C-alpha atoms as a PDB file:
ATOM      1  CA  GLY A   1     164.429 120.880 148.424  1.00  0.00           C
ATOM      2  CA  ILE A   2     164.259 118.361 151.252  1.00  0.00           C
ATOM      3  CA  ARG A   3     166.972 115.719 151.547  1.00  0.00           C
ATOM      4  CA  SER A   4     166.584 112.348 153.259  1.00  0.00           C
ATOM      5  CA  GLY A   5     166.565 112.722 157.027  1.00  0.00           C
ATOM      6  CA  GLY A   6     164.929 116.145 156.829  1.00  0.00           C
ATOM      7  CA  GLY A   7     168.060 118.038 155.789  1.00  0.00           C
ATOM      8  CA  ILE A   8     167.874 120.734 153.172  1.00  0.00           C
ATOM      9  CA  CYS A   9     169.192 119.934 149.710  1.00  0.00           C
ATOM     10  CA  ARG A  10     170.824 123.034 148.253  1.00  0.00           C
ATOM     11  CA  LYS A  11     171.945 121.536 144.952  1.00  0.00           C
ATOM     12  CA  GLU A  12     170.767 123.278 141.807  1.00  0.00           C
ATOM     13  CA  LEU A  13     168.668 121.203 139.405  1.00  0.00           C
ATOM     14  CA  LYS A  14     171.329 121.750 136.722  1.00  0.00           C
ATOM     15  CA  GLU A  15     173.829 119.947 139.006  1.00  0.00           C
ATOM     16  CA  SER A  16     171.505 117.032 139.805  1.00  0.00           C
ATOM     17  CA  MET A  17     171.684 113.409 138.725  1.00  0.00           C
ATOM     18  CA  MET A  18     168.212 112.145 137.784  1.00  0.00           C
ATOM     19  CA  TYR A  19     167.157 108.521 137.471  1.00  0.00           C
ATOM     20  CA  ALA A  20     164.189 106.975 135.664  1.00  0.00           C
ATOM     21  CA  THR A  21     163.491 103.325 134.895  1.00  0.00           C
ATOM     22  CA  THR A  22     163.194 104.071 131.178  1.00  0.00           C
ATOM     23  CA  PRO A  23     162.396 107.120 129.056  1.00  0.00           C
ATOM     24  CA  HIS A  24     159.816 104.978 127.245  1.00  0.00           C
ATOM     25  CA  MET A  25     157.455 104.932 130.241  1.00  0.00           C
ATOM     26  CA  PHE A  26     156.349 108.522 129.589  1.00  0.00           C
ATOM     27  CA  HIS A  27     153.308 108.684 127.342  1.00  0.00           C
ATOM     28  CA  PRO A  28     153.507 110.755 124.145  1.00  0.00           C
ATOM     29  CA  GLY A  29     152.286 114.285 124.613  1.00  0.00           C
ATOM     30  CA  GLU A  30     152.415 116.172 127.902  1.00  0.00           C
ATOM     31  CA  GLU A  31     154.203 113.472 129.966  1.00  0.00           C
ATOM     32  CA  GLU A  32     156.869 112.940 127.351  1.00  0.00           C
ATOM     33  CA  GLU A  33     157.411 116.685 126.892  1.00  0.00           C
ATOM     34  CA  LYS A  34     157.724 117.340 130.632  1.00  0.00           C
ATOM     35  CA  PHE A  35     160.183 114.469 130.984  1.00  0.00           C
ATOM     36  CA  ARG A  36     162.219 115.783 128.043  1.00  0.00           C
ATOM     37  CA  ARG A  37     162.398 119.199 129.731  1.00  0.00           C
ATOM     38  CA  MET A  38     163.520 117.574 133.004  1.00  0.00           C
ATOM     39  CA  CYS A  39     166.266 115.734 131.113  1.00  0.00           C
ATOM     40  CA  GLN A  40     167.476 119.039 129.699  1.00  0.00           C
ATOM     41  CA  ALA A  41     167.380 120.721 133.124  1.00  0.00           C
ATOM     42  CA  VAL A  42     169.505 118.170 135.020  1.00  0.00           C
ATOM     43  CA  LYS A  43     173.205 117.437 134.801  1.00  0.00           C
ATOM     44  CA  ARG A  44     172.601 113.878 133.631  1.00  0.00           C
ATOM     45  CA  PRO A  45     169.566 111.628 133.203  1.00  0.00           C
ATOM     46  CA  LEU A  46     170.312 107.979 134.005  1.00  0.00           C
ATOM     47  CA  TYR A  47     168.170 104.894 133.432  1.00  0.00           C
ATOM     48  CA  GLY A  48     167.508 101.391 134.671  1.00  0.00           C
ATOM     49  CA  ALA A  49     168.334 101.476 138.389  1.00  0.00           C
ATOM     50  CA  ASP A  50     164.772 100.703 139.553  1.00  0.00           C
ATOM     51  CA  CYS A  51     164.619 100.558 143.376  1.00  0.00           C
ATOM     52  CA  TYR A  52     168.374 101.081 143.672  1.00  0.00           C
ATOM     53  CA  ALA A  53     167.891 104.698 142.519  1.00  0.00           C
ATOM     54  CA  TYR A  54     165.631 105.343 145.519  1.00  0.00           C
ATOM     55  CA  ALA A  55     168.308 103.939 147.827  1.00  0.00           C
ATOM     56  CA  LEU A  56     170.832 106.331 146.263  1.00  0.00           C
ATOM     57  CA  VAL A  57     168.492 109.276 146.882  1.00  0.00           C
ATOM     58  CA  ALA A  58     167.852 108.172 150.476  1.00  0.00           C
ATOM     59  CA  SER A  59     171.572 107.765 151.170  1.00  0.00           C
ATOM     60  CA  GLY A  60     172.459 111.098 149.575  1.00  0.00           C
ATOM     61  CA  PHE A  61     175.005 109.379 147.350  1.00  0.00           C
ATOM     62  CA  GLY A  62     174.905 109.316 143.557  1.00  0.00           C
ATOM     63  CA  ALA A  63     171.328 110.354 142.813  1.00  0.00           C
ATOM     64  CA  ASP A  64     169.368 113.471 143.575  1.00  0.00           C
ATOM     65  CA  LEU A  65     165.937 112.624 142.215  1.00  0.00           C
ATOM     66  CA  VAL A  66     163.937 109.818 140.650  1.00  0.00           C
ATOM     67  CA  VAL A  67     161.263 110.567 138.055  1.00  0.00           C
ATOM     68  CA  GLU A  68     158.713 107.884 137.165  1.00  0.00           C
ATOM     69  CA  ALA A  69     155.454 107.898 135.219  1.00  0.00           C
ATOM     70  CA  ASP A  70     153.515 104.781 136.125  1.00  0.00           C
ATOM     71  CA  LEU A  71     154.008 103.945 139.783  1.00  0.00           C
ATOM     72  CA  GLY A  72     151.383 102.042 141.701  1.00  0.00           C
ATOM     73  CA  LEU A  73     150.764 102.383 145.433  1.00  0.00           C
ATOM     74  CA  TYR A  74     152.789  99.211 146.029  1.00  0.00           C
ATOM     75  CA  ASP A  75     155.778 100.793 144.241  1.00  0.00           C
ATOM     76  CA  TYR A  76     156.302 103.687 146.611  1.00  0.00           C
ATOM     77  CA  CYS A  77     154.645 103.048 150.000  1.00  0.00           C
ATOM     78  CA  ALA A  78     157.640 101.183 151.411  1.00  0.00           C
ATOM     79  CA  LEU A  79     159.992 103.893 150.147  1.00  0.00           C
ATOM     80  CA  VAL A  80     158.342 106.816 151.936  1.00  0.00           C
ATOM     81  CA  PRO A  81     159.832 106.168 155.414  1.00  0.00           C
ATOM     82  CA  VAL A  82     163.243 105.409 153.892  1.00  0.00           C
ATOM     83  CA  VAL A  83     163.399 108.672 151.933  1.00  0.00           C
ATOM     84  CA  GLU A  84     161.916 110.712 154.787  1.00  0.00           C
ATOM     85  CA  GLY A  85     164.511 109.272 157.179  1.00  0.00           C
END
């Protein structure tokens, strides 16, 4: 995968810390099932960090990925240059 600043992330998914605002944001059915499978694939799913989780991903400290279900354009546009470095 790609790490903030263009570096390569070599961490296995099973070693990754994943953040989501809440597990309740994933709609029943396909979304919920895919999120459940992601939770099983990572080292630990964590909840409630909101924008702080993106800062952790960008800094390379404490979070490896953020998974969300209902982001609007305004939620992620400002984060793109931060995560890309």
